[in-house]
Amino acid sequence: MFEEVKDVVEVRVVEKYRLFLRFEDGKAGEIDLETLIKFEGIFEPLKKLEYFATVTVDPELGTICWDNGADISPEFLYINLKSDNN
């Protein structure tokens, strides 16, 4: 049985490639994308920390994204989030 996908409602850069995320169900914590994604293809521009820091939440997609079209599925983020609730 599949759970309903939770949307990301807040994102903040913590340091380097680490983000603080909050989901609509209240789950919150940090995720280190440097260890979880390869910076190639559409993610290549994210290698530059200045560009990585332009991350935003797209409320229509319910996840984080960048203006070049890169986004990461909220399911992936939710599963890999380091929080006190894990």
N, C-alpha and C. Protein backbone atom coordinates (compact mmCIF):
# COMPACT_ATOMS: atom_id res chain seq x y z
N MET A 1 0.84 -1.18 0.00
CA MET A 1 0.00 0.00 0.00
C MET A 1 0.89 1.24 0.00
N PHE A 2 0.55 2.20 -0.84
CA PHE A 2 1.34 3.41 -0.97
C PHE A 2 0.77 4.52 -0.09
N GLU A 3 1.68 5.28 0.52
CA GLU A 3 1.27 6.44 1.28
C GLU A 3 1.13 7.63 0.33
N GLU A 4 0.29 8.57 0.71
CA GLU A 4 0.13 9.78 -0.07
C GLU A 4 1.44 10.58 -0.01
N VAL A 5 1.83 11.12 -1.13
CA VAL A 5 3.06 11.91 -1.20
C VAL A 5 2.88 13.20 -0.41
N LYS A 6 3.85 13.51 0.42
CA LYS A 6 3.84 14.74 1.20
C LYS A 6 4.58 15.82 0.43
N ASP A 7 4.03 17.02 0.42
CA ASP A 7 4.66 18.14 -0.27
C ASP A 7 5.67 18.84 0.62
N VAL A 8 6.73 19.35 0.00
CA VAL A 8 7.69 20.22 0.68
C VAL A 8 7.05 21.61 0.77
N VAL A 9 7.09 22.21 1.96
CA VAL A 9 6.50 23.53 2.13
C VAL A 9 7.54 24.59 2.52
N GLU A 10 8.76 24.15 2.87
CA GLU A 10 9.81 25.11 3.24
C GLU A 10 11.16 24.52 2.90
N VAL A 11 12.06 25.39 2.43
CA VAL A 11 13.44 24.99 2.17
C VAL A 11 14.36 26.14 2.56
N ARG A 12 15.48 25.79 3.18
CA ARG A 12 16.53 26.75 3.51
C ARG A 12 17.88 26.07 3.33
N VAL A 13 18.84 26.81 2.82
CA VAL A 13 20.20 26.27 2.72
C VAL A 13 20.82 26.36 4.10
N VAL A 14 21.38 25.24 4.56
CA VAL A 14 22.04 25.20 5.86
C VAL A 14 23.52 25.53 5.68
N GLU A 15 24.17 24.78 4.82
CA GLU A 15 25.56 25.02 4.45
C GLU A 15 25.89 24.13 3.26
N LYS A 16 26.79 24.62 2.44
CA LYS A 16 27.18 23.89 1.23
C LYS A 16 25.96 23.29 0.55
N TYR A 17 25.90 21.95 0.47
CA TYR A 17 24.81 21.28 -0.24
C TYR A 17 23.77 20.69 0.72
N ARG A 18 23.78 21.16 1.96
CA ARG A 18 22.80 20.70 2.94
C ARG A 18 21.62 21.65 3.00
N LEU A 19 20.43 21.07 3.00
CA LEU A 19 19.20 21.85 3.05
C LEU A 19 18.38 21.45 4.28
N PHE A 20 17.68 22.42 4.82
CA PHE A 20 16.64 22.16 5.80
C PHE A 20 15.33 22.12 5.03
N LEU A 21 14.55 21.07 5.26
CA LEU A 21 13.25 20.93 4.59
C LEU A 21 12.16 20.73 5.63
N ARG A 22 10.98 21.27 5.33
CA ARG A 22 9.79 20.99 6.12
C ARG A 22 8.71 20.52 5.15
N PHE A 23 8.03 19.44 5.56
CA PHE A 23 6.95 18.88 4.76
C PHE A 23 5.60 19.28 5.35
N GLU A 24 4.57 19.15 4.54
CA GLU A 24 3.24 19.57 4.95
C GLU A 24 2.72 18.83 6.18
N ASP A 25 3.24 17.64 6.45
CA ASP A 25 2.79 16.89 7.62
C ASP A 25 3.57 17.25 8.88
N GLY A 26 4.49 18.24 8.75
CA GLY A 26 5.28 18.68 9.90
C GLY A 26 6.65 18.05 10.01
N LYS A 27 6.90 16.98 9.28
CA LYS A 27 8.23 16.36 9.32
C LYS A 27 9.23 17.38 8.80
N ALA A 28 10.33 17.54 9.53
CA ALA A 28 11.35 18.51 9.15
C ALA A 28 12.72 17.96 9.52
N GLY A 29 13.72 18.43 8.80
CA GLY A 29 15.08 18.01 9.08
C GLY A 29 16.00 18.44 7.96
N GLU A 30 17.18 17.86 7.96
CA GLU A 30 18.20 18.23 6.97
C GLU A 30 18.48 17.08 6.02
N ILE A 31 18.92 17.48 4.84
CA ILE A 31 19.30 16.51 3.83
C ILE A 31 20.56 17.03 3.14
N ASP A 32 21.53 16.15 2.94
CA ASP A 32 22.78 16.52 2.28
C ASP A 32 22.74 16.00 0.85
N LEU A 33 22.45 16.89 -0.09
CA LEU A 33 22.31 16.46 -1.48
C LEU A 33 23.63 16.12 -2.14
N GLU A 34 24.73 16.59 -1.58
CA GLU A 34 26.04 16.26 -2.15
C GLU A 34 26.28 14.76 -2.14
N THR A 35 25.75 14.08 -1.14
CA THR A 35 25.95 12.63 -1.03
C THR A 35 24.86 11.83 -1.74
N LEU A 36 23.79 12.51 -2.18
CA LEU A 36 22.64 11.79 -2.72
C LEU A 36 22.41 11.96 -4.22
N ILE A 37 22.97 13.01 -4.82
CA ILE A 37 22.77 13.19 -6.27
C ILE A 37 24.10 13.38 -6.97
N LYS A 38 24.11 13.06 -8.25
CA LYS A 38 25.28 13.30 -9.08
C LYS A 38 25.08 14.65 -9.77
N PHE A 39 26.08 15.49 -9.71
CA PHE A 39 26.00 16.81 -10.32
C PHE A 39 26.37 16.74 -11.79
N GLU A 40 25.49 16.09 -12.56
CA GLU A 40 25.67 15.99 -14.00
C GLU A 40 24.32 16.16 -14.66
N GLY A 41 24.33 16.37 -15.95
CA GLY A 41 23.07 16.61 -16.66
C GLY A 41 22.40 17.87 -16.14
N ILE A 42 21.11 17.79 -15.88
CA ILE A 42 20.37 18.96 -15.42
C ILE A 42 20.84 19.45 -14.04
N PHE A 43 21.48 18.57 -13.28
CA PHE A 43 21.99 18.94 -11.95
C PHE A 43 23.39 19.55 -11.98
N GLU A 44 24.05 19.56 -13.13
CA GLU A 44 25.43 20.07 -13.20
C GLU A 44 25.56 21.52 -12.71
N PRO A 45 24.65 22.44 -13.05
CA PRO A 45 24.79 23.81 -12.56
C PRO A 45 24.76 23.92 -11.03
N LEU A 46 24.20 22.91 -10.36
CA LEU A 46 24.12 22.94 -8.90
C LEU A 46 25.48 22.78 -8.23
N LYS A 47 26.50 22.38 -8.98
CA LYS A 47 27.85 22.29 -8.43
C LYS A 47 28.28 23.63 -7.85
N LYS A 48 27.86 24.71 -8.51
CA LYS A 48 28.20 26.05 -8.04
C LYS A 48 27.31 26.38 -6.85
N LEU A 49 27.93 26.59 -5.70
CA LEU A 49 27.17 26.83 -4.48
C LEU A 49 26.24 28.03 -4.60
N GLU A 50 26.66 29.05 -5.34
CA GLU A 50 25.81 30.23 -5.50
C GLU A 50 24.51 29.86 -6.21
N TYR A 51 24.62 28.99 -7.20
CA TYR A 51 23.43 28.55 -7.93
C TYR A 51 22.61 27.59 -7.08
N PHE A 52 23.28 26.67 -6.41
CA PHE A 52 22.58 25.73 -5.53
C PHE A 52 21.71 26.48 -4.53
N ALA A 53 22.22 27.60 -4.03
CA ALA A 53 21.51 28.39 -3.02
C ALA A 53 20.26 29.08 -3.54
N THR A 54 20.01 29.03 -4.84
CA THR A 54 18.80 29.65 -5.40
C THR A 54 17.60 28.71 -5.32
N VAL A 55 17.73 27.61 -4.64
CA VAL A 55 16.65 26.63 -4.51
C VAL A 55 15.39 27.28 -3.94
N THR A 56 14.26 26.85 -4.46
CA THR A 56 12.96 27.33 -3.98
C THR A 56 12.00 26.15 -3.90
N VAL A 57 10.84 26.39 -3.30
CA VAL A 57 9.76 25.41 -3.30
C VAL A 57 8.79 25.78 -4.40
N ASP A 58 8.48 24.82 -5.24
CA ASP A 58 7.44 25.02 -6.25
C ASP A 58 6.15 24.43 -5.68
N PRO A 59 5.19 25.28 -5.30
CA PRO A 59 3.98 24.77 -4.67
C PRO A 59 3.14 23.88 -5.59
N GLU A 60 3.25 24.07 -6.89
CA GLU A 60 2.49 23.22 -7.82
C GLU A 60 3.07 21.81 -7.87
N LEU A 61 4.41 21.72 -7.85
CA LEU A 61 5.07 20.41 -7.86
C LEU A 61 5.15 19.81 -6.47
N GLY A 62 5.13 20.67 -5.44
CA GLY A 62 5.24 20.19 -4.06
C GLY A 62 6.63 19.75 -3.69
N THR A 63 7.63 20.32 -4.38
CA THR A 63 9.01 19.94 -4.10
C THR A 63 9.95 21.11 -4.36
N ILE A 64 11.23 20.85 -4.14
CA ILE A 64 12.24 21.89 -4.38
C ILE A 64 12.63 21.90 -5.84
N CYS A 65 13.05 23.08 -6.32
CA CYS A 65 13.45 23.19 -7.71
C CYS A 65 14.40 24.37 -7.89
N TRP A 66 14.97 24.41 -9.07
CA TRP A 66 15.84 25.50 -9.49
C TRP A 66 15.31 26.02 -10.80
N ASP A 67 15.71 27.23 -11.17
CA ASP A 67 15.12 27.86 -12.36
C ASP A 67 15.56 27.23 -13.69
N ASN A 68 16.51 26.30 -13.67
CA ASN A 68 16.89 25.60 -14.91
C ASN A 68 16.00 24.38 -15.16
N GLY A 69 15.01 24.15 -14.28
CA GLY A 69 14.11 23.02 -14.45
C GLY A 69 14.45 21.81 -13.60
N ALA A 70 15.58 21.85 -12.90
CA ALA A 70 15.95 20.73 -12.03
C ALA A 70 15.02 20.70 -10.83
N ASP A 71 14.55 19.50 -10.51
CA ASP A 71 13.79 19.30 -9.28
C ASP A 71 14.06 17.89 -8.79
N ILE A 72 13.69 17.65 -7.55
CA ILE A 72 13.92 16.34 -6.92
C ILE A 72 12.59 15.88 -6.34
N SER A 73 12.24 14.65 -6.58
CA SER A 73 10.93 14.17 -6.15
C SER A 73 10.76 14.31 -4.64
N PRO A 74 9.57 14.71 -4.21
CA PRO A 74 9.34 14.85 -2.78
C PRO A 74 9.44 13.51 -2.05
N GLU A 75 9.12 12.41 -2.72
CA GLU A 75 9.24 11.09 -2.09
C GLU A 75 10.69 10.81 -1.73
N PHE A 76 11.60 11.07 -2.66
CA PHE A 76 13.03 10.86 -2.43
C PHE A 76 13.51 11.72 -1.26
N LEU A 77 13.11 12.97 -1.24
CA LEU A 77 13.52 13.87 -0.18
C LEU A 77 12.97 13.41 1.16
N TYR A 78 11.72 13.00 1.19
CA TYR A 78 11.06 12.58 2.43
C TYR A 78 11.76 11.36 3.03
N ILE A 79 12.05 10.39 2.17
CA ILE A 79 12.69 9.15 2.62
C ILE A 79 14.10 9.41 3.15
N ASN A 80 14.84 10.34 2.51
CA ASN A 80 16.23 10.58 2.87
C ASN A 80 16.44 11.69 3.89
N LEU A 81 15.36 12.29 4.35
CA LEU A 81 15.46 13.39 5.30
C LEU A 81 15.96 12.88 6.65
N LYS A 82 16.91 13.57 7.21
CA LYS A 82 17.43 13.27 8.55
C LYS A 82 16.68 14.14 9.54
N SER A 83 15.83 13.51 10.35
CA SER A 83 15.06 14.28 11.31
C SER A 83 15.02 13.56 12.64
N ASP A 84 14.52 14.24 13.63
CA ASP A 84 14.38 13.64 14.95
C ASP A 84 13.32 12.55 14.94
N ASN A 85 12.45 12.56 13.92
CA ASN A 85 11.35 11.61 13.85
C ASN A 85 11.75 10.30 13.19
N ASN A 86 12.93 10.24 12.56
CA ASN A 86 13.32 9.02 11.82
C ASN A 86 13.64 7.90 12.78
